[in-house]
Amino acid sequence: MLAELEDISRHCPDRALRLRGTLPAQAGQEAFELVIFRGFSSSLTHPTAFDPDSPVLPAGSALDGAELLQAPLRPGSEQVLAGPEPVEHFLDPGNWRG
């Protein structure tokens, strides 16, 4: 699913998609945030590998929701265009228009 969202984001350079969910952890689940922008995924809460072919999310991760943001992101004054929605909602490129 992330690869599909990254592909859509390549065609929407003025949009970023923030995903929220949980990662498997030793003591249960741990919250995470991930942003997809211009074809790339980057974690806001956890380190990511330098290898772009490595998965950003480990097996057992759960995606809880997504928000479409105006890009570029401006800390402290971000503009939410749509969401929160189920992540699958943004598999439709038409839903990236906000």
N, C-alpha and C. Protein backbone atom coordinates (compact mmCIF):
# COMPACT_ATOMS: atom_id res chain seq x y z
N MET A 1 0.83 -1.19 0.00
CA MET A 1 0.00 0.00 0.00
C MET A 1 0.88 1.26 0.00
N LEU A 2 1.99 1.25 0.77
CA LEU A 2 2.85 2.44 0.80
C LEU A 2 3.41 2.76 -0.57
N ALA A 3 3.79 1.73 -1.32
CA ALA A 3 4.34 1.97 -2.66
C ALA A 3 3.31 2.65 -3.55
N GLU A 4 2.05 2.27 -3.45
CA GLU A 4 0.99 2.90 -4.24
C GLU A 4 0.81 4.37 -3.84
N LEU A 5 0.82 4.64 -2.54
CA LEU A 5 0.67 6.01 -2.06
C LEU A 5 1.87 6.87 -2.47
N GLU A 6 3.07 6.29 -2.42
CA GLU A 6 4.26 7.02 -2.86
C GLU A 6 4.16 7.36 -4.35
N ASP A 7 3.65 6.42 -5.14
CA ASP A 7 3.50 6.67 -6.57
C ASP A 7 2.51 7.81 -6.82
N ILE A 8 1.40 7.80 -6.15
CA ILE A 8 0.41 8.88 -6.30
C ILE A 8 1.02 10.21 -5.90
N SER A 9 1.81 10.21 -4.82
CA SER A 9 2.38 11.46 -4.32
C SER A 9 3.36 12.10 -5.30
N ARG A 10 3.96 11.30 -6.17
CA ARG A 10 4.88 11.85 -7.18
C ARG A 10 4.17 12.83 -8.11
N HIS A 11 2.87 12.63 -8.29
CA HIS A 11 2.08 13.45 -9.20
C HIS A 11 1.36 14.60 -8.48
N CYS A 12 1.59 14.71 -7.17
CA CYS A 12 0.94 15.75 -6.36
C CYS A 12 2.00 16.48 -5.52
N PRO A 13 2.88 17.26 -6.16
CA PRO A 13 3.99 17.86 -5.43
C PRO A 13 3.58 18.91 -4.39
N ASP A 14 2.33 19.34 -4.42
CA ASP A 14 1.87 20.32 -3.43
C ASP A 14 1.06 19.67 -2.31
N ARG A 15 1.19 18.35 -2.18
CA ARG A 15 0.48 17.61 -1.14
C ARG A 15 1.44 16.68 -0.41
N ALA A 16 1.18 16.47 0.87
CA ALA A 16 1.89 15.49 1.68
C ALA A 16 0.82 14.68 2.41
N LEU A 17 1.09 13.42 2.63
CA LEU A 17 0.15 12.54 3.32
C LEU A 17 0.78 12.09 4.63
N ARG A 18 0.12 12.39 5.74
CA ARG A 18 0.61 11.95 7.05
C ARG A 18 -0.18 10.72 7.47
N LEU A 19 0.53 9.65 7.73
CA LEU A 19 -0.08 8.40 8.20
C LEU A 19 0.22 8.24 9.68
N ARG A 20 -0.76 7.74 10.40
CA ARG A 20 -0.57 7.43 11.82
C ARG A 20 -0.95 5.98 12.04
N GLY A 21 -0.26 5.37 12.99
CA GLY A 21 -0.57 3.98 13.30
C GLY A 21 0.27 3.49 14.46
N THR A 22 0.43 2.16 14.51
CA THR A 22 1.21 1.55 15.58
C THR A 22 2.20 0.56 15.01
N LEU A 23 3.33 0.47 15.70
CA LEU A 23 4.39 -0.48 15.37
C LEU A 23 4.42 -1.55 16.44
N PRO A 24 4.80 -2.77 16.09
CA PRO A 24 4.98 -3.77 17.14
C PRO A 24 6.16 -3.38 18.03
N ALA A 25 6.01 -3.55 19.32
CA ALA A 25 7.07 -3.22 20.27
C ALA A 25 7.14 -4.31 21.34
N GLN A 26 8.20 -4.32 22.10
CA GLN A 26 8.37 -5.35 23.12
C GLN A 26 7.27 -5.29 24.16
N ALA A 27 6.79 -4.11 24.48
CA ALA A 27 5.75 -3.97 25.51
C ALA A 27 4.40 -3.64 24.89
N GLY A 28 4.06 -4.25 23.76
CA GLY A 28 2.77 -3.98 23.13
C GLY A 28 2.94 -3.25 21.82
N GLN A 29 2.22 -2.15 21.66
CA GLN A 29 2.26 -1.36 20.44
C GLN A 29 2.83 0.02 20.73
N GLU A 30 3.49 0.60 19.73
CA GLU A 30 4.10 1.93 19.86
C GLU A 30 3.59 2.81 18.72
N ALA A 31 3.14 4.01 19.03
CA ALA A 31 2.60 4.92 18.01
C ALA A 31 3.70 5.42 17.07
N PHE A 32 3.31 5.66 15.81
CA PHE A 32 4.24 6.24 14.85
C PHE A 32 3.52 7.22 13.95
N GLU A 33 4.29 8.10 13.31
CA GLU A 33 3.82 9.00 12.26
C GLU A 33 4.77 8.89 11.09
N LEU A 34 4.21 8.88 9.91
CA LEU A 34 4.97 8.75 8.68
C LEU A 34 4.43 9.78 7.70
N VAL A 35 5.31 10.43 6.95
CA VAL A 35 4.87 11.38 5.93
C VAL A 35 5.32 10.89 4.56
N ILE A 36 4.41 10.96 3.60
CA ILE A 36 4.73 10.62 2.21
C ILE A 36 4.68 11.94 1.42
N PHE A 37 5.79 12.22 0.73
CA PHE A 37 5.90 13.48 -0.01
C PHE A 37 6.78 13.24 -1.24
N ARG A 38 6.26 13.60 -2.41
CA ARG A 38 7.00 13.50 -3.67
C ARG A 38 7.64 12.13 -3.91
N GLY A 39 6.90 11.09 -3.56
CA GLY A 39 7.35 9.73 -3.86
C GLY A 39 8.17 9.05 -2.79
N PHE A 40 8.37 9.70 -1.66
CA PHE A 40 9.19 9.12 -0.60
C PHE A 40 8.45 9.11 0.72
N SER A 41 8.70 8.07 1.52
CA SER A 41 8.16 7.96 2.87
C SER A 41 9.25 8.28 3.87
N SER A 42 8.89 9.00 4.91
CA SER A 42 9.84 9.33 5.97
C SER A 42 9.12 9.28 7.31
N SER A 43 9.72 8.61 8.26
CA SER A 43 9.14 8.53 9.59
C SER A 43 9.43 9.81 10.37
N LEU A 44 8.42 10.31 11.07
CA LEU A 44 8.59 11.48 11.93
C LEU A 44 8.91 11.08 13.36
N THR A 45 8.74 9.79 13.68
CA THR A 45 8.87 9.36 15.06
C THR A 45 9.93 8.29 15.30
N HIS A 46 10.41 7.66 14.23
CA HIS A 46 11.37 6.57 14.37
C HIS A 46 12.45 6.68 13.30
N PRO A 47 13.65 6.18 13.58
CA PRO A 47 14.70 6.21 12.56
C PRO A 47 14.33 5.33 11.37
N THR A 48 14.79 5.71 10.20
CA THR A 48 14.58 4.91 9.00
C THR A 48 15.93 4.58 8.38
N ALA A 49 15.96 3.50 7.61
CA ALA A 49 17.20 3.06 6.96
C ALA A 49 17.55 4.01 5.83
N PHE A 50 18.84 4.10 5.52
CA PHE A 50 19.29 4.92 4.40
C PHE A 50 18.97 4.25 3.07
N ASP A 51 18.73 2.96 3.08
CA ASP A 51 18.44 2.19 1.87
C ASP A 51 16.98 2.41 1.47
N PRO A 52 16.72 3.06 0.32
CA PRO A 52 15.33 3.32 -0.07
C PRO A 52 14.55 2.06 -0.42
N ASP A 53 15.25 0.93 -0.59
CA ASP A 53 14.57 -0.32 -0.87
C ASP A 53 14.16 -1.07 0.40
N SER A 54 14.60 -0.59 1.56
CA SER A 54 14.21 -1.20 2.83
C SER A 54 12.81 -0.72 3.21
N PRO A 55 11.97 -1.61 3.74
CA PRO A 55 10.63 -1.17 4.14
C PRO A 55 10.70 -0.15 5.28
N VAL A 56 9.86 0.85 5.20
CA VAL A 56 9.82 1.89 6.23
C VAL A 56 9.10 1.38 7.47
N LEU A 57 8.11 0.52 7.27
CA LEU A 57 7.34 -0.04 8.38
C LEU A 57 7.63 -1.53 8.52
N PRO A 58 7.90 -1.99 9.74
CA PRO A 58 8.14 -3.42 9.93
C PRO A 58 6.85 -4.23 9.84
N ALA A 59 7.01 -5.53 9.64
CA ALA A 59 5.85 -6.43 9.63
C ALA A 59 5.11 -6.29 10.95
N GLY A 60 3.79 -6.35 10.91
CA GLY A 60 2.98 -6.22 12.11
C GLY A 60 2.55 -4.80 12.40
N SER A 61 2.96 -3.85 11.57
CA SER A 61 2.54 -2.45 11.75
C SER A 61 1.08 -2.31 11.35
N ALA A 62 0.39 -1.40 12.00
CA ALA A 62 -1.02 -1.13 11.68
C ALA A 62 -1.18 0.33 11.34
N LEU A 63 -1.86 0.62 10.23
CA LEU A 63 -2.16 1.99 9.82
C LEU A 63 -3.55 2.35 10.33
N ASP A 64 -3.64 3.40 11.13
CA ASP A 64 -4.91 3.78 11.74
C ASP A 64 -5.65 4.88 10.99
N GLY A 65 -4.93 5.74 10.28
CA GLY A 65 -5.58 6.83 9.58
C GLY A 65 -4.58 7.70 8.86
N ALA A 66 -5.10 8.61 8.03
CA ALA A 66 -4.25 9.48 7.24
C ALA A 66 -4.88 10.87 7.12
N GLU A 67 -4.01 11.86 6.96
CA GLU A 67 -4.43 13.24 6.73
C GLU A 67 -3.68 13.78 5.52
N LEU A 68 -4.39 14.47 4.66
CA LEU A 68 -3.78 15.13 3.51
C LEU A 68 -3.40 16.54 3.93
N LEU A 69 -2.14 16.90 3.69
CA LEU A 69 -1.62 18.20 4.11
C LEU A 69 -1.16 19.01 2.91
N GLN A 70 -1.25 20.33 3.04
CA GLN A 70 -0.68 21.23 2.04
C GLN A 70 0.84 21.17 2.16
N ALA A 71 1.52 21.00 1.05
CA ALA A 71 2.98 20.98 1.05
C ALA A 71 3.49 22.24 0.39
N PRO A 72 4.67 22.69 0.73
CA PRO A 72 5.57 22.10 1.72
C PRO A 72 5.05 22.32 3.13
N LEU A 73 5.48 21.42 4.03
CA LEU A 73 5.05 21.49 5.42
C LEU A 73 5.75 22.63 6.13
N ARG A 74 5.01 23.32 6.97
CA ARG A 74 5.56 24.41 7.77
C ARG A 74 5.27 24.10 9.23
N PRO A 75 6.29 23.71 9.98
CA PRO A 75 6.07 23.38 11.39
C PRO A 75 5.34 24.50 12.12
N GLY A 76 4.33 24.11 12.86
CA GLY A 76 3.57 25.09 13.63
C GLY A 76 2.42 25.72 12.88
N SER A 77 2.39 25.59 11.56
CA SER A 77 1.29 26.18 10.80
C SER A 77 0.87 25.29 9.63
N GLU A 78 0.87 23.99 9.87
CA GLU A 78 0.48 23.08 8.79
C GLU A 78 -1.01 23.21 8.49
N GLN A 79 -1.35 22.96 7.24
CA GLN A 79 -2.72 23.08 6.79
C GLN A 79 -3.25 21.71 6.40
N VAL A 80 -4.23 21.21 7.15
CA VAL A 80 -4.86 19.92 6.88
C VAL A 80 -5.95 20.15 5.83
N LEU A 81 -5.84 19.46 4.70
CA LEU A 81 -6.80 19.61 3.61
C LEU A 81 -7.91 18.57 3.67
N ALA A 82 -7.62 17.39 4.21
CA ALA A 82 -8.61 16.31 4.31
C ALA A 82 -8.18 15.33 5.39
N GLY A 83 -9.16 14.76 6.05
CA GLY A 83 -8.88 13.72 7.03
C GLY A 83 -9.10 14.23 8.45
N PRO A 84 -8.95 13.33 9.37
CA PRO A 84 -8.44 11.99 9.17
C PRO A 84 -9.44 11.09 8.45
N GLU A 85 -8.88 10.21 7.63
CA GLU A 85 -9.62 9.24 6.84
C GLU A 85 -8.90 7.90 6.95
N PRO A 86 -9.58 6.81 6.62
CA PRO A 86 -8.86 5.54 6.50
C PRO A 86 -7.81 5.68 5.40
N VAL A 87 -6.67 5.04 5.56
CA VAL A 87 -5.57 5.16 4.61
C VAL A 87 -6.03 4.78 3.21
N GLU A 88 -6.87 3.79 3.08
CA GLU A 88 -7.35 3.32 1.77
C GLU A 88 -8.05 4.43 0.99
N HIS A 89 -8.62 5.39 1.67
CA HIS A 89 -9.29 6.53 1.02
C HIS A 89 -8.34 7.24 0.05
N PHE A 90 -7.07 7.31 0.41
CA PHE A 90 -6.10 8.05 -0.38
C PHE A 90 -5.44 7.20 -1.47
N LEU A 91 -5.89 5.96 -1.63
CA LEU A 91 -5.44 5.16 -2.78
C LEU A 91 -6.11 5.64 -4.07
N ASP A 92 -7.15 6.45 -3.95
CA ASP A 92 -7.80 7.08 -5.09
C ASP A 92 -7.11 8.42 -5.33
N PRO A 93 -6.39 8.58 -6.44
CA PRO A 93 -5.70 9.84 -6.70
C PRO A 93 -6.60 11.07 -6.64
N GLY A 94 -7.88 10.90 -6.96
CA GLY A 94 -8.82 12.02 -6.89
C GLY A 94 -8.99 12.57 -5.49
N ASN A 95 -8.71 11.77 -4.48
CA ASN A 95 -8.86 12.23 -3.10
C ASN A 95 -7.67 13.04 -2.59
N TRP A 96 -6.66 13.20 -3.46
CA TRP A 96 -5.48 14.02 -3.10
C TRP A 96 -5.70 15.48 -3.45
N ARG A 97 -6.84 15.82 -4.00
CA ARG A 97 -7.10 17.22 -4.38
C ARG A 97 -7.47 18.06 -3.19
N GLY A 98 -7.93 17.41 -2.10
CA GLY A 98 -8.30 18.15 -0.89
C GLY A 98 -9.52 18.91 -1.09
